[in-house]
Amino acid sequence: MAKVVVGMSGGVDSAVAALLLKEAGYEVVGVLLRTWVADDGTEGRCCEIDDARRVAWKLHIPFLALNCLRDFEESVTRPFIRDYLAGVTPNPCTVCNRAIKWEKLLYAANVMQAEFVATGHYASVVHLPNGRYSVQRAVHAEKDQTYMLYQLSQEMLSRTLMPLATYSKAKVRQMAAAAGLAVADKKDSQEICFVPDGDYAGYIRNNSDMPIPGEGNYVDSEGRILGRHQGILHYTVGQRKGLGIALGHPVFVKEIRADKNEVVLSEDKDLYGREVLCGELFFMGAAPLAVGERLPCLAKVRYRHEAAPAVLEMLDFGRLRIHFEDPVRAAAPGQAAVFYDADGCVLGGGTILKSETACEESKEG
């Protein structure tokens, strides 16, 4: 059988991915990518080297770790800080998957003359009738991770195996326990690996070499001052909790204006719109669209958003507009919009630039 490099994080999913591939007869090599270490030496949940090494020893497979700390800083954490300071809400995991995980795993595979790389993502790689590769939603929708994978290239996908596509998390844990893997009951990480406590503002204050914006004004959509905010780092579009302002009715963050150090508040109904403008596009199951071309799809504007009927319209300057059939809530600049076909295969995705109001302004301009 072919040789495969399995990206091992020290978690149960990658452990069972390696187990399944070995049982299927592949020659398996475990590779951990060391991406982030806290000042106190604490490792990120994506690179807990001791747990990964113990799993490899139990499975009797070779194991090595690659130092990716500098690459991770340049490709992931610095842009993360820069985006937050610019008033947008980034999605670092989508960038990390392409620029770090797959790039480095394929590098390791080439050095070791391995045909494939594999991960413990809940998704499957499919080869579509149009000749393109895509990732398809996992059988168990609650664990589907295709949203985070839309930036992967055709070359990356052509050499990727994802053995967990048909399994539930409970079944994965059961298989790990049956194989005697110590990580069988290890908890899943709920936060970004380099901000384990969820305090994004604190992380940025401690790691930025750029000025940190201070307090500013809460305003309404017309610019009327409503109160004072703690600093734009503390907010994201759609947020309600932690605003620290009482207006006699529920209010939400509608927009962050970094150039004015303002946070725009509105009622919930004002967060909905039918159009979203995207840039930084990646096409996967669909070939890149020509200017003016339209493509029906299902689209989602955040990880937990249910993909909804929409039509993509390709604009100039590498941008496209998503026309949703029904209004979607709180499409946050900086987050990913991902497009699917009716079978749950990723057609592509992009970074959200603006929501409906700004899109209407761009039409008029």
Protein backbone atom coordinates (compact mmCIF):
# COMPACT_ATOMS: atom_id res chain seq x y z
CA MET A 1 0.00 0.00 0.00
CA ALA A 2 0.94 3.64 -0.41
CA LYS A 3 2.79 5.69 2.18
CA VAL A 4 0.79 8.43 3.92
CA VAL A 5 1.87 11.25 6.24
CA VAL A 6 -0.78 11.84 8.90
CA GLY A 7 -0.96 15.22 10.59
CA MET A 8 -1.12 14.42 14.30
CA SER A 9 -2.12 17.08 16.81
CA GLY A 10 -2.23 15.02 19.98
CA GLY A 11 -6.03 14.82 19.79
CA VAL A 12 -8.36 11.87 19.33
CA ASP A 13 -9.41 12.67 15.74
CA SER A 14 -5.94 12.59 14.21
CA ALA A 15 -5.09 9.54 16.33
CA VAL A 16 -8.02 7.56 14.93
CA ALA A 17 -7.26 8.78 11.40
CA ALA A 18 -3.81 7.24 11.75
CA LEU A 19 -5.31 4.07 13.25
CA LEU A 20 -7.80 3.62 10.40
CA LEU A 21 -5.18 4.16 7.71
CA LYS A 22 -2.81 1.68 9.30
CA GLU A 23 -5.61 -0.89 9.57
CA ALA A 24 -6.36 -0.29 5.88
CA GLY A 25 -2.79 -1.28 5.04
CA TYR A 26 -1.15 2.08 4.43
CA GLU A 27 2.43 2.73 5.49
CA VAL A 28 1.72 5.48 8.04
CA VAL A 29 4.08 8.16 9.32
CA GLY A 30 2.87 10.55 12.02
CA VAL A 31 3.94 14.19 11.73
CA LEU A 32 3.19 16.90 14.28
CA LEU A 33 3.44 20.54 13.22
CA ARG A 34 4.63 22.65 16.14
CA THR A 35 2.87 25.96 15.47
CA TRP A 36 2.46 27.81 18.73
CA VAL A 37 3.87 27.78 22.26
CA ALA A 38 2.82 30.19 25.02
CA ASP A 39 5.35 32.23 26.98
CA ASP A 40 5.02 29.77 29.87
CA GLY A 41 5.76 26.82 27.58
CA THR A 42 2.14 25.69 27.20
CA GLU A 43 1.55 24.09 23.80
CA GLY A 44 -1.39 24.88 21.52
CA ARG A 45 -4.14 22.28 21.29
CA CYS A 46 -3.13 21.69 17.68
CA CYS A 47 0.39 20.58 18.59
CA GLU A 48 0.56 18.71 21.89
CA ILE A 49 3.67 16.77 21.12
CA ASP A 50 3.75 14.34 24.07
CA ASP A 51 0.21 13.04 23.42
CA ALA A 52 0.92 12.70 19.69
CA ARG A 53 4.17 10.83 20.35
CA ARG A 54 2.43 8.41 22.74
CA VAL A 55 -0.25 7.67 20.12
CA ALA A 56 2.41 6.98 17.48
CA TRP A 57 4.26 4.67 19.88
CA LYS A 58 1.02 2.78 20.63
CA LEU A 59 0.28 2.39 16.91
CA HIS A 60 3.90 1.37 16.15
CA ILE A 61 4.34 4.06 13.49
CA PRO A 62 7.26 6.45 12.92
CA PHE A 63 6.77 9.94 14.35
CA LEU A 64 8.47 13.28 13.94
CA ALA A 65 7.73 16.91 14.75
CA LEU A 66 8.37 19.90 12.49
CA ASN A 67 9.08 23.36 13.89
CA CYS A 68 6.62 25.75 12.19
CA LEU A 69 6.63 28.50 14.83
CA ARG A 70 8.01 31.26 12.59
CA ASP A 71 5.81 30.36 9.63
CA PHE A 72 2.75 30.27 11.87
CA GLU A 73 3.55 33.71 13.25
CA GLU A 74 4.04 35.21 9.79
CA SER A 75 1.01 33.58 8.14
CA VAL A 76 -1.48 33.36 11.00
CA THR A 77 -0.93 35.33 14.21
CA ARG A 78 0.45 38.56 12.73
CA PRO A 79 -2.39 38.85 10.18
CA PHE A 80 -4.86 37.97 12.96
CA ILE A 81 -3.61 40.93 15.04
CA ARG A 82 -3.52 43.23 12.03
CA ASP A 83 -7.10 42.38 11.05
CA TYR A 84 -8.50 42.95 14.53
CA LEU A 85 -6.78 46.34 14.69
CA ALA A 86 -8.42 47.17 11.34
CA GLY A 87 -11.86 46.44 12.78
CA VAL A 88 -12.56 43.11 11.07
CA THR A 89 -13.06 39.65 12.57
CA PRO A 90 -10.55 37.19 11.02
CA ASN A 91 -10.83 33.43 10.72
CA PRO A 92 -7.25 32.20 11.31
CA CYS A 93 -8.06 28.49 11.02
CA THR A 94 -8.90 28.72 7.31
CA VAL A 95 -5.54 30.35 6.59
CA CYS A 96 -3.67 27.92 8.82
CA ASN A 97 -5.11 24.90 7.04
CA ARG A 98 -3.77 26.04 3.69
CA ALA A 99 -0.59 27.95 4.51
CA ILE A 100 0.67 25.81 7.40
CA LYS A 101 -0.95 22.40 7.77
CA TRP A 102 -1.19 21.30 4.16
CA GLU A 103 1.91 23.14 2.96
CA LYS A 104 4.06 21.58 5.67
CA LEU A 105 2.51 18.11 5.53
CA LEU A 106 3.04 17.98 1.78
CA TYR A 107 6.62 19.15 2.28
CA ALA A 108 7.15 16.28 4.72
CA ALA A 109 5.45 13.86 2.32
CA ASN A 110 7.72 14.90 -0.53
CA VAL A 111 10.84 14.49 1.60
CA MET A 112 9.72 11.02 2.71
CA GLN A 113 8.44 10.07 -0.76
CA ALA A 114 4.88 9.59 0.50
CA GLU A 115 2.02 9.70 -1.97
CA PHE A 116 -0.57 11.14 0.40
CA VAL A 117 -1.19 13.29 3.44
CA ALA A 118 -4.09 12.73 5.82
CA THR A 119 -5.84 14.58 8.63
CA GLY A 120 -8.56 13.94 11.19
CA HIS A 121 -10.99 16.46 9.70
CA TYR A 122 -14.65 15.47 9.45
CA ALA A 123 -15.06 15.78 5.68
CA SER A 124 -14.29 13.77 2.57
CA VAL A 125 -12.28 14.51 -0.56
CA VAL A 126 -14.25 13.93 -3.76
CA HIS A 127 -13.32 14.03 -7.45
CA LEU A 128 -16.21 15.70 -9.28
CA PRO A 129 -17.48 14.96 -12.81
CA ASN A 130 -16.04 18.31 -13.98
CA GLY A 131 -12.56 17.00 -13.13
CA ARG A 132 -12.06 19.19 -10.08
CA TYR A 133 -11.47 18.08 -6.50
CA SER A 134 -13.61 19.28 -3.61
CA VAL A 135 -14.37 18.52 0.02
CA GLN A 136 -17.82 17.18 0.83
CA ARG A 137 -19.71 17.59 4.06
CA ALA A 138 -19.31 14.90 6.68
CA VAL A 139 -22.14 12.41 7.19
CA HIS A 140 -22.71 13.73 10.72
CA ALA A 141 -23.43 17.42 10.13
CA GLU A 142 -22.71 18.50 13.71
CA LYS A 143 -19.00 17.77 13.19
CA ASP A 144 -18.68 18.89 9.56
CA GLN A 145 -15.47 20.90 9.02
CA THR A 146 -15.65 21.74 5.32
CA TYR A 147 -16.17 25.44 6.09
CA MET A 148 -12.59 25.61 7.39
CA LEU A 149 -11.10 23.89 4.34
CA TYR A 150 -12.29 26.05 1.42
CA GLN A 151 -8.82 27.51 0.74
CA LEU A 152 -7.19 24.18 -0.13
CA SER A 153 -5.82 23.97 -3.68
CA GLN A 154 -6.50 21.28 -6.29
CA GLU A 155 -2.96 19.95 -5.84
CA MET A 156 -3.44 19.69 -2.08
CA LEU A 157 -6.77 17.90 -2.39
CA SER A 158 -5.48 15.45 -5.02
CA ARG A 159 -3.04 14.07 -2.43
CA THR A 160 -5.29 14.18 0.66
CA LEU A 161 -7.07 11.43 2.57
CA MET A 162 -9.73 12.15 5.22
CA PRO A 163 -10.78 8.85 6.80
CA LEU A 164 -13.27 10.23 9.38
CA ALA A 165 -15.95 11.47 6.96
CA THR A 166 -18.54 8.82 7.83
CA TYR A 167 -17.95 8.59 11.58
CA SER A 168 -19.60 10.34 14.50
CA LYS A 169 -17.46 11.78 17.28
CA ALA A 170 -18.83 9.16 19.67
CA LYS A 171 -17.75 6.38 17.31
CA VAL A 172 -14.28 7.91 16.94
CA ARG A 173 -13.87 7.96 20.72
CA GLN A 174 -15.12 4.38 20.92
CA MET A 175 -12.55 3.22 18.34
CA ALA A 176 -9.77 5.07 20.17
CA ALA A 177 -10.72 3.44 23.45
CA ALA A 178 -10.87 -0.02 21.86
CA ALA A 179 -7.36 0.50 20.48
CA GLY A 180 -6.07 1.54 23.91
CA LEU A 181 -5.27 5.12 22.91
CA ALA A 182 -4.93 7.38 25.93
CA VAL A 183 -6.51 10.33 24.09
CA ALA A 184 -9.87 8.58 23.68
CA ASP A 185 -11.60 10.86 26.19
CA LYS A 186 -9.55 13.97 25.58
CA LYS A 187 -11.75 17.07 25.39
CA ASP A 188 -12.14 19.00 22.16
CA SER A 189 -10.71 22.50 21.96
CA GLN A 190 -13.39 25.19 21.67
CA GLU A 191 -11.11 28.17 21.10
CA ILE A 192 -8.47 29.31 18.65
CA CYS A 193 -5.31 27.38 19.52
CA PHE A 194 -3.17 30.45 20.27
CA VAL A 195 -5.89 32.15 22.35
CA PRO A 196 -6.90 29.24 24.62
CA ASP A 197 -8.65 31.48 27.16
CA GLY A 198 -10.74 33.21 24.49
CA ASP A 199 -9.43 36.67 25.42
CA TYR A 200 -8.62 37.99 21.94
CA ALA A 201 -8.18 41.57 23.12
CA GLY A 202 -5.71 40.48 25.79
CA TYR A 203 -3.74 38.40 23.31
CA ILE A 204 -3.49 41.32 20.89
CA ARG A 205 -2.43 43.76 23.61
CA ASN A 206 0.32 41.38 24.71
CA ASN A 207 1.60 40.53 21.24
CA SER A 208 1.08 43.54 18.99
CA ASP A 209 3.87 45.90 17.98
CA MET A 210 1.25 48.33 16.67
CA PRO A 211 -0.68 50.98 18.66
CA ILE A 212 -3.75 49.59 20.42
CA PRO A 213 -6.93 51.67 19.95
CA GLY A 214 -8.47 52.82 23.21
CA GLU A 215 -11.96 53.84 24.20
CA GLY A 216 -14.27 55.42 21.64
CA ASN A 217 -17.89 56.18 20.92
CA TYR A 218 -20.84 53.92 20.45
CA VAL A 219 -22.94 55.48 17.70
CA ASP A 220 -26.13 54.67 15.82
CA SER A 221 -26.29 54.26 12.05
CA GLU A 222 -26.66 58.04 11.63
CA GLY A 223 -23.58 58.75 13.74
CA ARG A 224 -25.37 59.95 16.88
CA ILE A 225 -23.32 59.21 20.00
CA LEU A 226 -24.91 56.65 22.31
CA GLY A 227 -22.14 56.08 24.84
CA ARG A 228 -18.54 54.88 25.22
CA HIS A 229 -16.98 51.55 24.28
CA GLN A 230 -13.83 49.89 25.70
CA GLY A 231 -11.92 49.65 22.39
CA ILE A 232 -12.78 48.03 19.07
CA LEU A 233 -10.77 44.88 19.89
CA HIS A 234 -13.58 43.80 22.21
CA TYR A 235 -16.33 43.65 19.59
CA THR A 236 -17.54 41.80 16.52
CA VAL A 237 -20.55 42.21 14.25
CA GLY A 238 -23.68 40.64 15.76
CA GLN A 239 -22.44 40.82 19.36
CA ARG A 240 -24.90 41.60 22.14
CA LYS A 241 -23.28 40.48 25.40
CA GLY A 242 -20.60 42.55 27.09
CA LEU A 243 -21.49 45.88 25.50
CA GLY A 244 -21.87 47.64 28.85
CA ILE A 245 -24.55 50.04 27.66
CA ALA A 246 -28.24 50.31 28.60
CA LEU A 247 -30.55 51.90 26.06
CA GLY A 248 -33.83 50.45 27.31
CA HIS A 249 -33.96 47.81 24.56
CA PRO A 250 -31.61 45.12 23.22
CA VAL A 251 -28.87 46.41 20.93
CA PHE A 252 -26.20 44.67 18.86
CA VAL A 253 -22.97 45.54 17.10
CA LYS A 254 -23.83 46.32 13.48
CA GLU A 255 -20.51 47.73 12.26
CA ILE A 256 -16.99 48.59 13.46
CA ARG A 257 -15.50 51.80 12.04
CA ALA A 258 -11.82 51.49 12.85
CA ASP A 259 -10.89 54.76 11.11
CA LYS A 260 -13.15 56.68 13.52
CA ASN A 261 -12.75 54.32 16.48
CA GLU A 262 -16.53 53.90 16.51
CA VAL A 263 -18.78 50.91 17.16
CA VAL A 264 -22.19 51.15 15.48
CA LEU A 265 -25.12 49.73 17.46
CA SER A 266 -28.53 48.75 16.12
CA GLU A 267 -31.54 46.58 16.80
CA ASP A 268 -31.42 42.94 15.78
CA LYS A 269 -33.64 43.47 12.72
CA ASP A 270 -31.03 45.83 11.26
CA LEU A 271 -28.40 43.05 11.15
CA TYR A 272 -30.13 41.18 8.33
CA GLY A 273 -29.32 41.63 4.65
CA ARG A 274 -29.63 39.77 1.36
CA GLU A 275 -26.30 40.73 -0.18
CA VAL A 276 -22.69 40.16 0.88
CA LEU A 277 -19.57 41.32 -0.96
CA CYS A 278 -16.53 38.99 -0.88
CA GLY A 279 -12.87 39.17 -1.89
CA GLU A 280 -9.76 36.98 -1.51
CA LEU A 281 -11.54 34.26 -3.47
CA PHE A 282 -10.69 30.57 -3.67
CA PHE A 283 -12.46 28.27 -6.12
CA MET A 284 -12.57 24.57 -5.36
CA GLY A 285 -15.32 22.41 -6.86
CA ALA A 286 -16.23 25.16 -9.32
CA ALA A 287 -13.86 26.65 -11.86
CA PRO A 288 -13.15 30.38 -11.33
CA LEU A 289 -16.09 32.47 -12.55
CA ALA A 290 -15.79 34.98 -15.37
CA VAL A 291 -16.78 38.61 -14.78
CA GLY A 292 -20.57 38.82 -14.94
CA GLU A 293 -21.06 35.07 -14.56
CA ARG A 294 -23.67 33.91 -12.05
CA LEU A 295 -23.82 30.61 -10.20
CA PRO A 296 -26.65 29.25 -7.98
CA CYS A 297 -25.40 27.69 -4.75
CA LEU A 298 -25.92 27.29 -1.03
CA ALA A 299 -23.81 29.72 1.00
CA LYS A 300 -22.93 30.19 4.65
CA VAL A 301 -21.38 33.28 6.26
CA ARG A 302 -20.01 31.68 9.43
CA TYR A 303 -19.19 28.23 10.74
CA ARG A 304 -22.48 27.64 12.58
CA HIS A 305 -24.64 29.24 9.87
CA GLU A 306 -26.91 26.84 7.99
CA ALA A 307 -26.04 27.10 4.29
CA ALA A 308 -28.83 29.01 2.53
CA PRO A 309 -29.94 29.34 -1.11
CA ALA A 310 -28.06 32.09 -2.94
CA VAL A 311 -26.65 33.16 -6.29
CA LEU A 312 -23.03 34.18 -6.79
CA GLU A 313 -22.29 37.05 -9.15
CA MET A 314 -18.69 37.58 -10.23
CA LEU A 315 -17.60 41.22 -10.24
CA ASP A 316 -14.37 42.83 -11.39
CA PHE A 317 -11.24 43.26 -9.25
CA GLY A 318 -11.46 39.69 -7.95
CA ARG A 319 -14.66 40.21 -6.01
CA LEU A 320 -18.06 38.58 -6.06
CA ARG A 321 -21.46 39.38 -4.62
CA ILE A 322 -23.65 36.80 -2.90
CA HIS A 323 -27.38 37.36 -3.45
CA PHE A 324 -29.21 35.41 -0.72
CA GLU A 325 -32.78 34.29 -1.28
CA ASP A 326 -33.65 35.20 2.31
CA PRO A 327 -31.84 37.75 4.51
CA VAL A 328 -28.88 36.43 6.54
CA ARG A 329 -27.87 37.77 9.93
CA ALA A 330 -24.64 39.52 10.88
CA ALA A 331 -22.28 38.79 7.99
CA ALA A 332 -19.07 39.99 9.66
CA PRO A 333 -16.24 41.52 7.59
CA GLY A 334 -13.15 39.30 7.85
CA GLN A 335 -15.10 36.08 8.28
CA ALA A 336 -15.37 33.46 5.55
CA ALA A 337 -18.30 32.95 3.20
CA VAL A 338 -18.28 29.42 1.78
CA PHE A 339 -20.30 28.16 -1.19
CA TYR A 340 -21.70 24.63 -1.65
CA ASP A 341 -23.53 22.67 -4.32
CA ALA A 342 -26.70 20.68 -3.59
CA ASP A 343 -24.63 17.61 -2.64
CA GLY A 344 -22.68 19.44 0.05
CA CYS A 345 -19.47 19.81 -1.98
CA VAL A 346 -17.55 23.05 -1.56
CA LEU A 347 -17.58 25.18 -4.69
CA GLY A 348 -15.32 27.84 -3.19
CA GLY A 349 -15.26 30.67 -0.72
CA GLY A 350 -13.96 34.10 0.10
CA THR A 351 -13.47 36.71 2.78
CA ILE A 352 -16.45 38.90 3.62
CA LEU A 353 -15.73 42.53 2.80
CA LYS A 354 -19.10 44.23 3.26
CA SER A 355 -22.71 43.40 3.96
CA GLU A 356 -25.87 44.66 2.27
CA THR A 357 -25.77 48.40 2.89
CA ALA A 358 -22.19 48.72 1.69
CA CYS A 359 -22.95 46.49 -1.29
CA GLU A 360 -25.76 48.81 -2.33
CA GLU A 361 -23.38 51.75 -2.06
CA SER A 362 -20.84 49.96 -4.25
CA LYS A 363 -23.52 49.41 -6.92
CA GLU A 364 -24.32 53.11 -6.98
CA GLY A 365 -20.61 53.93 -7.15
